[in-house]
PDB file of N, CA and C in Angstrom:
ATOM      1  N   MET A   1      19.760 -15.019 -84.656  1.00  0.00           N
ATOM      2  CA  MET A   1      18.459 -15.353 -84.132  1.00  0.00           C
ATOM      3  C   MET A   1      18.373 -16.866 -83.931  1.00  0.00           C
ATOM      4  N   GLY A   2      17.734 -17.268 -82.873  1.00  0.00           N
ATOM      5  CA  GLY A   2      17.638 -18.692 -82.540  1.00  0.00           C
ATOM      6  C   GLY A   2      16.530 -19.402 -83.278  1.00  0.00           C
ATOM      7  N   ILE A   3      16.424 -20.646 -83.021  1.00  0.00           N
ATOM      8  CA  ILE A   3      15.403 -21.490 -83.644  1.00  0.00           C
ATOM      9  C   ILE A   3      14.141 -21.472 -82.771  1.00  0.00           C
ATOM     10  N   SER A   4      12.992 -21.373 -83.422  1.00  0.00           N
ATOM     11  CA  SER A   4      11.741 -21.314 -82.668  1.00  0.00           C
ATOM     12  C   SER A   4      11.341 -22.705 -82.177  1.00  0.00           C
ATOM     13  N   LYS A   5      10.423 -22.741 -81.241  1.00  0.00           N
ATOM     14  CA  LYS A   5       9.955 -24.031 -80.706  1.00  0.00           C
ATOM     15  C   LYS A   5       9.297 -24.867 -81.796  1.00  0.00           C
ATOM     16  N   LYS A   6       8.566 -24.188 -82.664  1.00  0.00           N
ATOM     17  CA  LYS A   6       7.876 -24.897 -83.748  1.00  0.00           C
ATOM     18  C   LYS A   6       8.898 -25.523 -84.711  1.00  0.00           C
ATOM     19  N   ASP A   7       9.911 -24.750 -85.073  1.00  0.00           N
ATOM     20  CA  ASP A   7      10.951 -25.269 -85.960  1.00  0.00           C
ATOM     21  C   ASP A   7      11.736 -26.391 -85.291  1.00  0.00           C
ATOM     22  N   TYR A   8      11.986 -26.233 -84.008  1.00  0.00           N
ATOM     23  CA  TYR A   8      12.687 -27.261 -83.239  1.00  0.00           C
ATOM     24  C   TYR A   8      11.890 -28.564 -83.251  1.00  0.00           C
ATOM     25  N   GLY A   9      10.584 -28.467 -83.048  1.00  0.00           N
ATOM     26  CA  GLY A   9       9.719 -29.647 -83.074  1.00  0.00           C
ATOM     27  C   GLY A   9       9.697 -30.310 -84.429  1.00  0.00           C
ATOM     28  N   ARG A  10       9.627 -29.490 -85.480  1.00  0.00           N
ATOM     29  CA  ARG A  10       9.632 -30.029 -86.846  1.00  0.00           C
ATOM     30  C   ARG A  10      10.946 -30.742 -87.146  1.00  0.00           C
ATOM     31  N   ARG A  11      12.034 -30.114 -86.748  1.00  0.00           N
ATOM     32  CA  ARG A  11      13.352 -30.702 -87.006  1.00  0.00           C
ATOM     33  C   ARG A  11      13.483 -32.051 -86.308  1.00  0.00           C
ATOM     34  N   LYS A  12      13.041 -32.103 -85.075  1.00  0.00           N
ATOM     35  CA  LYS A  12      13.111 -33.347 -84.314  1.00  0.00           C
ATOM     36  C   LYS A  12      12.227 -34.425 -84.947  1.00  0.00           C
ATOM     37  N   ALA A  13      11.033 -34.038 -85.408  1.00  0.00           N
ATOM     38  CA  ALA A  13      10.127 -34.986 -86.056  1.00  0.00           C
ATOM     39  C   ALA A  13      10.728 -35.506 -87.361  1.00  0.00           C
ATOM     40  N   ASN A  14      11.376 -34.628 -88.116  1.00  0.00           N
ATOM     41  CA  ASN A  14      12.008 -35.047 -89.370  1.00  0.00           C
ATOM     42  C   ASN A  14      13.153 -36.015 -89.114  1.00  0.00           C
ATOM     43  N   ILE A  15      13.923 -35.751 -88.071  1.00  0.00           N
ATOM     44  CA  ILE A  15      15.026 -36.653 -87.725  1.00  0.00           C
ATOM     45  C   ILE A  15      14.479 -38.017 -87.331  1.00  0.00           C
ATOM     46  N   LYS A  16      13.411 -38.039 -86.535  1.00  0.00           N
ATOM     47  CA  LYS A  16      12.823 -39.315 -86.112  1.00  0.00           C
ATOM     48  C   LYS A  16      12.283 -40.095 -87.304  1.00  0.00           C
ATOM     49  N   ALA A  17      11.629 -39.403 -88.237  1.00  0.00           N
ATOM     50  CA  ALA A  17      11.069 -40.071 -89.419  1.00  0.00           C
ATOM     51  C   ALA A  17      12.182 -40.672 -90.269  1.00  0.00           C
ATOM     52  N   ARG A  18      13.246 -39.908 -90.473  1.00  0.00           N
ATOM     53  CA  ARG A  18      14.379 -40.401 -91.267  1.00  0.00           C
ATOM     54  C   ARG A  18      15.065 -41.576 -90.556  1.00  0.00           C
ATOM     55  N   LEU A  19      15.125 -41.494 -89.237  1.00  0.00           N
ATOM     56  CA  LEU A  19      15.730 -42.557 -88.439  1.00  0.00           C
ATOM     57  C   LEU A  19      14.953 -43.864 -88.607  1.00  0.00           C
ATOM     58  N   ILE A  20      13.650 -43.799 -88.616  1.00  0.00           N
ATOM     59  CA  ILE A  20      12.816 -44.991 -88.796  1.00  0.00           C
ATOM     60  C   ILE A  20      13.056 -45.607 -90.173  1.00  0.00           C
ATOM     61  N   GLU A  21      13.129 -44.743 -91.208  1.00  0.00           N
ATOM     62  CA  GLU A  21      13.387 -45.242 -92.559  1.00  0.00           C
ATOM     63  C   GLU A  21      14.745 -45.947 -92.638  1.00  0.00           C
ATOM     64  N   LEU A  22      15.759 -45.317 -92.057  1.00  0.00           N
ATOM     65  CA  LEU A  22      17.103 -45.892 -92.132  1.00  0.00           C
ATOM     66  C   LEU A  22      17.223 -47.171 -91.322  1.00  0.00           C
ATOM     67  N   GLU A  23      16.513 -47.262 -90.205  1.00  0.00           N
ATOM     68  CA  GLU A  23      16.562 -48.486 -89.404  1.00  0.00           C
ATOM     69  C   GLU A  23      15.986 -49.667 -90.175  1.00  0.00           C
ATOM     70  N   LYS A  24      14.928 -49.419 -90.951  1.00  0.00           N
ATOM     71  CA  LYS A  24      14.361 -50.490 -91.772  1.00  0.00           C
ATOM     72  C   LYS A  24      15.371 -50.973 -92.805  1.00  0.00           C
ATOM     73  N   LEU A  25      16.066 -50.027 -93.440  1.00  0.00           N
ATOM     74  CA  LEU A  25      17.069 -50.398 -94.439  1.00  0.00           C
ATOM     75  C   LEU A  25      18.272 -51.082 -93.795  1.00  0.00           C
ATOM     76  N   ALA A  26      18.649 -50.637 -92.614  1.00  0.00           N
ATOM     77  CA  ALA A  26      19.803 -51.209 -91.925  1.00  0.00           C
ATOM     78  C   ALA A  26      19.530 -52.652 -91.488  1.00  0.00           C
ATOM     79  N   MET A  27      18.296 -52.956 -91.165  1.00  0.00           N
ATOM     80  CA  MET A  27      17.956 -54.331 -90.774  1.00  0.00           C
ATOM     81  C   MET A  27      18.128 -55.288 -91.953  1.00  0.00           C
ATOM     82  N   LYS A  28      17.961 -54.769 -93.171  1.00  0.00           N
ATOM     83  CA  LYS A  28      18.140 -55.596 -94.361  1.00  0.00           C
ATOM     84  C   LYS A  28      19.610 -55.740 -94.741  1.00  0.00           C
ATOM     85  N   ASP A  29      20.478 -54.981 -94.077  1.00  0.00           N
ATOM     86  CA  ASP A  29      21.903 -54.990 -94.363  1.00  0.00           C
ATOM     87  C   ASP A  29      22.700 -55.282 -93.088  1.00  0.00           C
ATOM     88  N   PRO A  30      22.586 -56.503 -92.545  1.00  0.00           N
ATOM     89  CA  PRO A  30      23.250 -56.809 -91.270  1.00  0.00           C
ATOM     90  C   PRO A  30      24.775 -56.866 -91.357  1.00  0.00           C
ATOM     91  N   LEU A  31      25.315 -57.074 -92.538  1.00  0.00           N
ATOM     92  CA  LEU A  31      26.772 -57.160 -92.684  1.00  0.00           C
ATOM     93  C   LEU A  31      27.418 -55.789 -92.888  1.00  0.00           C
ATOM     94  N   LYS A  32      26.614 -54.760 -92.893  1.00  0.00           N
ATOM     95  CA  LYS A  32      27.061 -53.363 -93.043  1.00  0.00           C
ATOM     96  C   LYS A  32      27.858 -53.163 -94.332  1.00  0.00           C
ATOM     97  N   ARG A  33      27.325 -53.689 -95.400  1.00  0.00           N
ATOM     98  CA  ARG A  33      27.970 -53.496 -96.699  1.00  0.00           C
ATOM     99  C   ARG A  33      27.754 -52.078 -97.200  1.00  0.00           C
ATOM    100  N   ASN A  34      26.591 -51.505 -96.875  1.00  0.00           N
ATOM    101  CA  ASN A  34      26.305 -50.122 -97.241  1.00  0.00           C
ATOM    102  C   ASN A  34      26.766 -49.231 -96.084  1.00  0.00           C
ATOM    103  N   PHE A  35      28.028 -48.857 -96.117  1.00  0.00           N
ATOM    104  CA  PHE A  35      28.651 -48.128 -95.006  1.00  0.00           C
ATOM    105  C   PHE A  35      28.003 -46.754 -94.788  1.00  0.00           C
ATOM    106  N   LYS A  36      27.663 -46.055 -95.872  1.00  0.00           N
ATOM    107  CA  LYS A  36      27.076 -44.716 -95.757  1.00  0.00           C
ATOM    108  C   LYS A  36      25.739 -44.762 -95.018  1.00  0.00           C
ATOM    109  N   LEU A  37      24.969 -45.798 -95.253  1.00  0.00           N
ATOM    110  CA  LEU A  37      23.682 -45.965 -94.591  1.00  0.00           C
ATOM    111  C   LEU A  37      23.867 -46.068 -93.085  1.00  0.00           C
ATOM    112  N   HIS A  38      24.773 -46.913 -92.666  1.00  0.00           N
ATOM    113  CA  HIS A  38      25.005 -47.118 -91.237  1.00  0.00           C
ATOM    114  C   HIS A  38      25.662 -45.894 -90.594  1.00  0.00           C
ATOM    115  N   GLU A  39      26.480 -45.202 -91.369  1.00  0.00           N
ATOM    116  CA  GLU A  39      27.124 -43.985 -90.870  1.00  0.00           C
ATOM    117  C   GLU A  39      26.075 -42.888 -90.630  1.00  0.00           C
ATOM    118  N   GLU A  40      25.164 -42.716 -91.592  1.00  0.00           N
ATOM    119  CA  GLU A  40      24.103 -41.713 -91.448  1.00  0.00           C
ATOM    120  C   GLU A  40      23.174 -42.062 -90.285  1.00  0.00           C
ATOM    121  N   LEU A  41      22.887 -43.329 -90.121  1.00  0.00           N
ATOM    122  CA  LEU A  41      22.043 -43.789 -89.024  1.00  0.00           C
ATOM    123  C   LEU A  41      22.680 -43.449 -87.678  1.00  0.00           C
ATOM    124  N   ALA A  42      23.950 -43.691 -87.541  1.00  0.00           N
ATOM    125  CA  ALA A  42      24.666 -43.374 -86.299  1.00  0.00           C
ATOM    126  C   ALA A  42      24.685 -41.870 -86.048  1.00  0.00           C
ATOM    127  N   GLN A  43      24.857 -41.093 -87.105  1.00  0.00           N
ATOM    128  CA  GLN A  43      24.889 -39.639 -86.970  1.00  0.00           C
ATOM    129  C   GLN A  43      23.528 -39.100 -86.526  1.00  0.00           C
ATOM    130  N   LEU A  44      22.446 -39.623 -87.091  1.00  0.00           N
ATOM    131  CA  LEU A  44      21.108 -39.167 -86.700  1.00  0.00           C
ATOM    132  C   LEU A  44      20.778 -39.542 -85.256  1.00  0.00           C
ATOM    133  N   ARG A  45      21.203 -40.727 -84.860  1.00  0.00           N
ATOM    134  CA  ARG A  45      20.984 -41.135 -83.453  1.00  0.00           C
ATOM    135  C   ARG A  45      21.718 -40.186 -82.509  1.00  0.00           C
ATOM    136  N   LYS A  46      22.927 -39.798 -82.900  1.00  0.00           N
ATOM    137  CA  LYS A  46      23.723 -38.888 -82.080  1.00  0.00           C
ATOM    138  C   LYS A  46      23.046 -37.512 -82.005  1.00  0.00           C
ATOM    139  N   GLU A  47      22.553 -37.005 -83.133  1.00  0.00           N
ATOM    140  CA  GLU A  47      21.864 -35.709 -83.151  1.00  0.00           C
ATOM    141  C   GLU A  47      20.612 -35.737 -82.281  1.00  0.00           C
ATOM    142  N   LEU A  48      19.892 -36.832 -82.344  1.00  0.00           N
ATOM    143  CA  LEU A  48      18.657 -36.951 -81.568  1.00  0.00           C
ATOM    144  C   LEU A  48      18.958 -36.996 -80.080  1.00  0.00           C
ATOM    145  N   GLN A  49      20.040 -37.621 -79.695  1.00  0.00           N
ATOM    146  CA  GLN A  49      20.423 -37.675 -78.283  1.00  0.00           C
ATOM    147  C   GLN A  49      20.871 -36.310 -77.777  1.00  0.00           C
ATOM    148  N   GLU A  50      21.528 -35.532 -78.634  1.00  0.00           N
ATOM    149  CA  GLU A  50      22.007 -34.211 -78.237  1.00  0.00           C
ATOM    150  C   GLU A  50      20.844 -33.254 -77.965  1.00  0.00           C
ATOM    151  N   GLU A  51      19.770 -33.426 -78.713  1.00  0.00           N
ATOM    152  CA  GLU A  51      18.623 -32.540 -78.551  1.00  0.00           C
ATOM    153  C   GLU A  51      17.788 -33.062 -77.457  1.00  0.00           C
TER     154      GLU A  51
END
Protein backbone atom coordinates (compact mmCIF):
# COMPACT_ATOMS: atom_id res chain seq x y z
CA MET A 1 0.00 0.00 0.00
CA GLY A 2 1.27 3.47 -0.85
CA ILE A 3 1.68 6.55 1.25
CA SER A 4 -1.30 8.86 1.60
CA LYS A 5 -1.22 12.55 0.68
CA LYS A 6 -1.56 13.49 4.32
CA ASP A 7 1.37 11.29 5.35
CA TYR A 8 3.39 12.59 2.42
CA GLY A 9 2.76 16.17 3.55
CA ARG A 10 3.69 15.37 7.14
CA ARG A 11 6.88 13.63 6.06
CA LYS A 12 7.90 16.58 3.91
CA ALA A 13 7.14 19.03 6.75
CA ASN A 14 9.21 16.96 9.18
CA ILE A 15 12.14 16.89 6.77
CA LYS A 16 11.95 20.67 6.31
CA ALA A 17 11.82 21.26 10.08
CA ARG A 18 14.82 19.00 10.68
CA LEU A 19 16.65 20.68 7.81
CA ILE A 20 16.19 24.11 9.41
CA GLU A 21 17.52 22.82 12.74
CA LEU A 22 20.57 21.25 11.12
CA GLU A 23 21.33 24.34 9.04
CA LYS A 24 21.51 26.42 12.22
CA LEU A 25 23.95 23.95 13.75
CA ALA A 26 25.98 23.71 10.54
CA MET A 27 26.44 27.49 10.44
CA LYS A 28 28.12 27.24 13.85
CA ASP A 29 30.47 24.57 12.48
CA PRO A 30 32.02 26.08 9.32
CA LEU A 31 35.11 23.84 9.44
CA LYS A 32 32.91 20.72 9.28
CA ARG A 33 34.39 19.17 12.38
CA ASN A 34 31.07 17.46 13.11
CA PHE A 35 31.04 15.26 10.01
CA LYS A 36 27.81 13.40 10.90
CA LEU A 37 25.91 16.69 11.13
CA HIS A 38 26.96 17.80 7.66
CA GLU A 39 26.39 14.31 6.25
CA GLU A 40 22.81 14.21 7.61
CA LEU A 41 22.18 17.72 6.28
CA ALA A 42 23.28 16.69 2.79
CA GLN A 43 21.14 13.56 2.94
CA LEU A 44 18.02 15.51 3.96
CA ARG A 45 18.56 18.04 1.18
CA LYS A 46 18.82 15.17 -1.28
CA GLU A 47 15.60 13.55 0.03
CA LEU A 48 13.75 16.85 -0.20
CA GLN A 49 14.86 17.35 -3.80
CA GLU A 50 13.74 13.84 -4.76
CA GLU A 51 10.24 14.48 -3.46
